[in-house]
Structures are given as structure tokens and as C-alpha cells.
Amino acid sequence: MPIAEKGDLRIHYELTGAGDGPVLMLANAIGSNLHMWDKVLPSFEKSYRVVRYDMRGHGESSVLPPPYTIDQLGDDVLFLLDSLGIGRASLCGLSLGGLIAMWIGIHAPERLSRIVLANTAARIGTREGWEERMKTVQASGMEPVALASPARWFTRIYREQNPEEMDRARAMIAATNAVGYAGCCAVLRETDLSGPIGTIEAPCLVIAGAHDPSTPPEEGRAIQSALRDGKYVELDASHLSAWERAEEFAGAVLAFLGCSRFPEEERRYG
């Protein structure tokens, strides 16, 4: 199991794909692990060296004492890139992973070629909402979150048509360490990048889900309008669009990474 270590911090990662290709790094949503990207991975591996990792408190990475900060999560990515000898990469982040990607675009712009901001917002949710989520997991563990999250992550039709996938999603969430999850809830409670995202220099693709209750399309359009160089795509999905609409998601990302503009049939503006 590949691990990058720095003091008490252990970051579990996987590096796969085209050995001589450019690097594409994937950053997960809260409550998930690197397997969140399994359905898009084969498409990315054909042309890219793909780095997936478990953020601190998740999967096989360290569960350090909370609360965590967005600075720590961003620095963890930079540390992993340094450990792998990668000076510059493209970064695709979904939900909390999108906030991490924004932070790096703001604070370490020289490390990123292009950025994909999927199903995310400059400010995700409310302080009160994340406080309530933290209290829930501290009192009852991850089971309530595991039972409730698929309704936010996937559309009703997709849930009904893919019961085995829903079982895998619930198992992934339930296996997340409650302490680590609460630590990342604190990141979401405190982080608002609405102001500084206007300083991001790298070209960005914003992907929104038309049925996403957590980061609805208007949040994605707000990011795009604040960016210096941003494109917008809206998929017929809920929050985990990289899972629910894997083919369309991968196609949009690959088109963005591989050329300066989209064919019109591959994008839809809000």
C-alpha cells in the first residue's frame, strides 16, 4: 500500500496510468475514499498519470486530532506531490476536494496547470449545518451519515436503478473514521474562498450537477463568474457526478485538459 509519510501524517495514495503522461491528481469528497473515482479512472489512465489519495482522516490515511483546516488539507496535497517528485499537475477536486483545489490555485499557483472544480462551492453549506453534522457523528458514529448521504449524492432514479452501487457507497461512508470525518466537517464549517478565488490564474473547468442539493448549479455558476479563466459544464446528476455520470464527466474533463476550448456539443452553460 503506497504511503507518503511526514511525522505523524501518513497519506495513502495510488499512482496509476500512462507512465510518461502528464499528471492528473484527484481530490475526494468528504466521507469518501480514493475509490470514489473508480468509474472515471480507466478513461483518465489512458493518457495521464493519475494520482488518487485519501485525505487525512479518511480511508487508509492518518486520523490526526481534529479540527482540521483548509491550509492543512492543501498542504497535504503539496506534500504528496513533493513526495512523488511532481512539480506541476492538473488537479480535479469534487466537493471538499474542489475547495482544496481552489486553495492550491490561490496559494501555490505554480503547482497547477489546470483545475477542475466539480460539485463544489467557494462556501459549502452553513456553519450551523456542519456543526450539526459534527454533533451527529460524535454522538452516533458514521451510520446516520451513511444512511442519509446517498440521497444527496445520487438522484432518485440512479439510486433505484443501481442498488448494489448504493450499498458500496454506504459501506464507503460507514468505513470512514468518525473523528476524521468530524475534522473535515470543521474545514467546511470554517472555509469561505469567495473573495480570493478571483486571483486563481490557472484555467478552470467548473462542473455542476443539475440536481445537486449540496452544491447546486447556481454555486457553480458563481464560481465560474468569479474566475479569471473559467468554463462551465452542467451534468444530469446529483452531487457525485463523477460516479453517477462517469462517461460524461470524464469526457468533459479530458476535453478541458486536452484543448483550449470545448466543442459546443460537449458543454452546456447555465
Protein backbone atom coordinates (compact mmCIF):
# COMPACT_ATOMS: atom_id res chain seq x y z
CA MET A 1 0.00 0.00 0.00
CA PRO A 2 1.76 3.23 -1.12
CA ILE A 3 2.12 5.70 1.75
CA ALA A 4 3.77 9.12 1.93
CA GLU A 5 4.88 9.93 5.49
CA LYS A 6 5.77 13.15 7.27
CA GLY A 7 5.91 12.91 11.06
CA ASP A 8 2.55 11.60 12.25
CA LEU A 9 0.96 12.23 8.86
CA ARG A 10 0.51 9.22 6.58
CA ILE A 11 -1.14 9.84 3.20
CA HIS A 12 -2.34 6.76 1.34
CA TYR A 13 -2.26 7.17 -2.43
CA GLU A 14 -2.29 5.28 -5.72
CA LEU A 15 -0.33 6.29 -8.82
CA THR A 16 -1.55 4.59 -11.99
CA GLY A 17 -1.97 5.16 -15.70
CA ALA A 18 0.29 6.30 -18.52
CA GLY A 19 3.85 6.22 -17.21
CA ASP A 20 5.04 9.03 -19.46
CA GLY A 21 1.86 11.11 -19.40
CA PRO A 22 1.16 14.40 -17.65
CA VAL A 23 -0.10 14.17 -14.07
CA LEU A 24 -3.77 14.41 -13.12
CA MET A 25 -4.49 14.43 -9.39
CA LEU A 26 -7.94 13.64 -7.97
CA ALA A 27 -9.21 15.01 -4.63
CA ASN A 28 -12.24 13.41 -2.96
CA ALA A 29 -15.44 14.47 -1.30
CA ILE A 30 -15.82 14.31 2.46
CA GLY A 31 -16.88 10.85 3.62
CA SER A 32 -15.32 9.10 0.62
CA ASN A 33 -12.00 7.47 -0.21
CA LEU A 34 -9.96 7.23 -3.39
CA HIS A 35 -12.34 4.58 -4.77
CA MET A 36 -14.86 7.37 -5.33
CA TRP A 37 -13.09 7.80 -8.71
CA ASP A 38 -13.21 4.16 -9.82
CA LYS A 39 -15.69 4.70 -12.63
CA VAL A 40 -13.76 7.53 -14.32
CA LEU A 41 -10.29 6.13 -13.65
CA PRO A 42 -9.99 3.94 -16.79
CA SER A 43 -10.71 6.92 -19.04
CA PHE A 44 -8.11 9.09 -17.31
CA GLU A 45 -5.42 6.39 -17.18
CA LYS A 46 -5.20 6.14 -20.96
CA SER A 47 -3.45 9.49 -21.26
CA TYR A 48 -2.48 10.59 -17.74
CA ARG A 49 -0.50 9.52 -14.74
CA VAL A 50 -3.32 9.60 -12.21
CA VAL A 51 -2.72 10.28 -8.51
CA ARG A 52 -5.59 9.39 -6.19
CA TYR A 53 -5.28 9.76 -2.44
CA ASP A 54 -7.21 9.53 0.82
CA MET A 55 -7.35 12.90 2.57
CA ARG A 56 -6.37 12.97 6.23
CA GLY A 57 -8.99 11.33 8.43
CA HIS A 58 -10.27 9.20 5.54
CA GLY A 59 -9.58 5.80 4.05
CA GLU A 60 -6.11 4.48 4.85
CA SER A 61 -4.59 7.88 5.67
CA SER A 62 -3.83 9.15 9.18
CA VAL A 63 -6.57 10.16 11.55
CA LEU A 64 -4.88 13.06 13.29
CA PRO A 65 -6.50 15.02 16.14
CA PRO A 66 -9.16 17.44 14.82
CA PRO A 67 -10.17 20.04 13.95
CA TYR A 68 -8.51 20.27 10.54
CA THR A 69 -8.08 23.38 8.40
CA ILE A 70 -8.16 24.02 4.67
CA ASP A 71 -4.49 25.06 4.94
CA GLN A 72 -3.63 21.62 6.28
CA LEU A 73 -5.59 19.80 3.57
CA GLY A 74 -3.96 21.94 0.88
CA ASP A 75 -0.50 21.43 2.34
CA ASP A 76 -1.14 17.66 2.41
CA VAL A 77 -1.60 17.72 -1.37
CA LEU A 78 1.57 19.75 -1.89
CA PHE A 79 3.46 17.35 0.39
CA LEU A 80 2.22 14.37 -1.60
CA LEU A 81 3.23 15.98 -4.89
CA ASP A 82 6.67 16.73 -3.44
CA SER A 83 7.00 13.14 -2.19
CA LEU A 84 6.28 11.83 -5.68
CA GLY A 85 8.67 14.28 -7.33
CA ILE A 86 5.85 16.02 -9.18
CA GLY A 87 6.44 19.72 -9.71
CA ARG A 88 3.28 20.57 -11.60
CA ALA A 89 -0.04 18.79 -12.18
CA SER A 90 -3.63 19.27 -13.15
CA LEU A 91 -5.99 18.84 -10.22
CA CYS A 92 -9.60 17.68 -10.24
CA GLY A 93 -11.41 18.10 -6.94
CA LEU A 94 -15.01 17.27 -6.10
CA SER A 95 -16.92 18.92 -3.22
CA LEU A 96 -14.38 19.34 -0.38
CA GLY A 97 -11.76 18.26 -2.93
CA GLY A 98 -12.83 21.24 -5.01
CA LEU A 99 -12.20 23.59 -2.09
CA ILE A 100 -8.73 22.07 -1.73
CA ALA A 101 -8.11 22.65 -5.45
CA MET A 102 -9.19 26.30 -5.11
CA TRP A 103 -6.89 26.77 -2.12
CA ILE A 104 -3.89 25.45 -4.03
CA GLY A 105 -4.80 27.59 -7.04
CA ILE A 106 -4.74 30.60 -4.72
CA HIS A 107 -1.70 29.78 -2.57
CA ALA A 108 0.53 27.68 -4.84
CA PRO A 109 -0.42 28.62 -8.41
CA GLU A 110 2.92 27.45 -9.79
CA ARG A 111 1.99 23.83 -8.94
CA LEU A 112 -1.15 23.62 -11.09
CA SER A 113 -1.54 23.54 -14.86
CA ARG A 114 -5.34 23.29 -14.97
CA ILE A 115 -8.05 22.89 -12.36
CA VAL A 116 -11.38 21.06 -12.42
CA LEU A 117 -13.83 22.21 -9.72
CA ALA A 118 -16.64 19.67 -9.56
CA ASN A 119 -19.82 19.84 -7.48
CA THR A 120 -18.32 22.40 -5.16
CA ALA A 121 -18.71 25.97 -3.96
CA ALA A 122 -16.49 28.68 -2.56
CA ARG A 123 -18.56 28.30 0.62
CA ILE A 124 -20.19 24.88 1.03
CA GLY A 125 -23.18 24.76 3.36
CA THR A 126 -23.53 26.73 6.58
CA ARG A 127 -21.69 26.86 9.88
CA GLU A 128 -24.81 25.62 11.64
CA GLY A 129 -25.24 22.70 9.25
CA TRP A 130 -21.68 21.47 9.70
CA GLU A 131 -21.87 21.93 13.46
CA GLU A 132 -24.97 19.73 13.48
CA ARG A 133 -23.23 17.11 11.30
CA MET A 134 -20.25 17.06 13.67
CA LYS A 135 -22.53 16.55 16.66
CA THR A 136 -24.28 13.70 14.88
CA VAL A 137 -21.11 11.73 14.15
CA GLN A 138 -19.64 12.47 17.56
CA ALA A 139 -22.77 11.10 19.23
CA SER A 140 -23.78 8.29 16.87
CA GLY A 141 -20.82 7.49 14.63
CA MET A 142 -20.98 7.28 10.85
CA GLU A 143 -24.09 5.13 10.44
CA PRO A 144 -26.58 8.05 10.25
CA VAL A 145 -24.41 9.78 7.65
CA ALA A 146 -24.00 6.55 5.68
CA LEU A 147 -27.77 6.09 5.57
CA ALA A 148 -28.54 9.70 4.62
CA SER A 149 -25.76 10.60 2.17
CA PRO A 150 -26.83 8.57 -0.92
CA ALA A 151 -29.98 10.69 -1.17
CA ARG A 152 -27.73 13.77 -1.51
CA TRP A 153 -25.05 12.10 -3.60
CA PHE A 154 -27.24 10.49 -6.28
CA THR A 155 -30.54 11.20 -8.00
CA ARG A 156 -33.56 9.08 -7.03
CA ILE A 157 -33.66 7.34 -10.40
CA TYR A 158 -29.99 6.42 -10.22
CA ARG A 159 -30.40 5.07 -6.69
CA GLU A 160 -33.34 2.92 -7.73
CA GLN A 161 -31.57 1.56 -10.80
CA ASN A 162 -28.26 0.82 -9.05
CA PRO A 163 -28.93 -0.71 -5.61
CA GLU A 164 -25.57 -2.52 -5.49
CA GLU A 165 -23.72 0.74 -6.08
CA MET A 166 -25.70 2.32 -3.27
CA ASP A 167 -24.58 -0.50 -0.98
CA ARG A 168 -20.95 0.24 -1.93
CA ALA A 169 -21.42 3.96 -1.34
CA ARG A 170 -22.97 3.40 2.09
CA ALA A 171 -20.19 0.97 3.02
CA MET A 172 -17.53 3.50 1.98
CA ILE A 173 -19.10 6.21 4.12
CA ALA A 174 -19.67 3.90 7.09
CA ALA A 175 -16.00 2.84 6.98
CA THR A 176 -14.84 6.46 7.30
CA ASN A 177 -13.40 7.27 10.70
CA ALA A 178 -15.86 9.43 12.65
CA VAL A 179 -13.05 11.53 14.17
CA GLY A 180 -11.52 12.19 10.76
CA TYR A 181 -14.91 12.98 9.28
CA ALA A 182 -15.67 15.48 12.04
CA GLY A 183 -12.25 17.05 11.49
CA CYS A 184 -13.11 17.68 7.84
CA CYS A 185 -16.56 18.97 8.80
CA ALA A 186 -14.66 21.66 10.71
CA VAL A 187 -12.85 22.57 7.48
CA LEU A 188 -16.17 23.02 5.70
CA ARG A 189 -17.57 24.96 8.64
CA GLU A 190 -14.73 27.49 8.54
CA THR A 191 -13.78 27.81 4.87
CA ASP A 192 -15.03 30.58 2.59
CA LEU A 193 -12.93 31.27 -0.50
CA SER A 194 -15.45 33.59 -2.18
CA GLY A 195 -13.05 36.53 -2.22
CA PRO A 196 -9.69 35.04 -3.16
CA ILE A 197 -10.87 32.71 -5.94
CA GLY A 198 -10.72 35.71 -8.26
CA THR A 199 -6.93 35.53 -8.01
CA ILE A 200 -6.68 32.00 -9.46
CA GLU A 201 -4.65 32.18 -12.65
CA ALA A 202 -4.92 28.61 -13.95
CA PRO A 203 -7.66 27.77 -16.46
CA CYS A 204 -10.56 26.16 -14.62
CA LEU A 205 -13.45 23.91 -15.54
CA VAL A 206 -16.46 24.09 -13.23
CA ILE A 207 -18.72 21.02 -13.29
CA ALA A 208 -22.13 21.20 -11.62
CA GLY A 209 -24.90 18.66 -11.14
CA ALA A 210 -28.33 19.83 -12.27
CA HIS A 211 -29.94 18.02 -9.30
CA ASP A 212 -27.25 18.61 -6.67
CA PRO A 213 -28.80 19.75 -3.36
CA SER A 214 -25.44 20.25 -1.63
CA THR A 215 -23.71 22.49 -4.19
CA PRO A 216 -26.46 23.43 -6.68
CA PRO A 217 -25.77 24.81 -10.17
CA GLU A 218 -26.02 28.42 -9.05
CA GLU A 219 -22.97 27.82 -6.82
CA GLY A 220 -21.02 26.50 -9.80
CA ARG A 221 -22.02 29.45 -11.95
CA ALA A 222 -20.97 31.81 -9.16
CA ILE A 223 -17.51 30.22 -9.14
CA GLN A 224 -17.23 30.47 -12.91
CA SER A 225 -18.22 34.14 -12.93
CA ALA A 226 -15.60 34.93 -10.27
CA LEU A 227 -12.74 33.18 -12.07
CA ARG A 228 -10.36 34.85 -14.49
CA ASP A 229 -10.50 31.88 -16.89
CA GLY A 230 -13.41 29.57 -16.19
CA LYS A 231 -15.62 27.27 -18.22
CA TYR A 232 -18.87 25.71 -17.01
CA VAL A 233 -20.48 22.33 -17.65
CA GLU A 234 -23.71 21.07 -16.11
CA LEU A 235 -24.42 17.34 -15.95
CA ASP A 236 -27.69 15.49 -15.37
CA ALA A 237 -26.55 14.31 -11.93
CA SER A 238 -26.65 14.97 -8.24
CA HIS A 239 -23.58 15.57 -6.03
CA LEU A 240 -21.26 12.74 -7.06
CA SER A 241 -21.36 13.47 -10.78
CA ALA A 242 -18.03 11.67 -11.33
CA TRP A 243 -19.78 8.48 -10.20
CA GLU A 244 -23.33 8.98 -11.47
CA ARG A 245 -22.36 10.35 -14.91
CA ALA A 246 -18.88 8.90 -15.21
CA GLU A 247 -18.69 8.86 -19.01
CA GLU A 248 -19.87 12.44 -19.43
CA PHE A 249 -17.73 13.62 -16.51
CA ALA A 250 -14.58 12.02 -17.89
CA GLY A 251 -15.31 13.35 -21.37
CA ALA A 252 -15.70 16.91 -20.12
CA VAL A 253 -12.52 16.72 -18.06
CA LEU A 254 -10.46 15.20 -20.87
CA ALA A 255 -11.73 17.75 -23.37
CA PHE A 256 -10.79 20.56 -21.00
CA LEU A 257 -7.35 19.19 -20.24
CA GLY A 258 -6.56 18.41 -23.84
CA CYS A 259 -7.65 21.55 -25.67
CA SER A 260 -8.21 25.22 -25.03
CA ARG A 261 -11.94 25.19 -25.76
CA PHE A 262 -14.82 22.74 -25.79
CA PRO A 263 -16.75 21.62 -28.84
CA GLU A 264 -20.13 23.21 -28.32
CA GLU A 265 -21.90 19.84 -28.13
CA GLU A 266 -19.84 18.92 -25.07
CA ARG A 267 -20.86 21.81 -22.86
CA ARG A 268 -23.96 23.43 -21.54
CA TYR A 269 -23.99 26.86 -19.97
CA GLY A 270 -26.34 27.93 -17.25
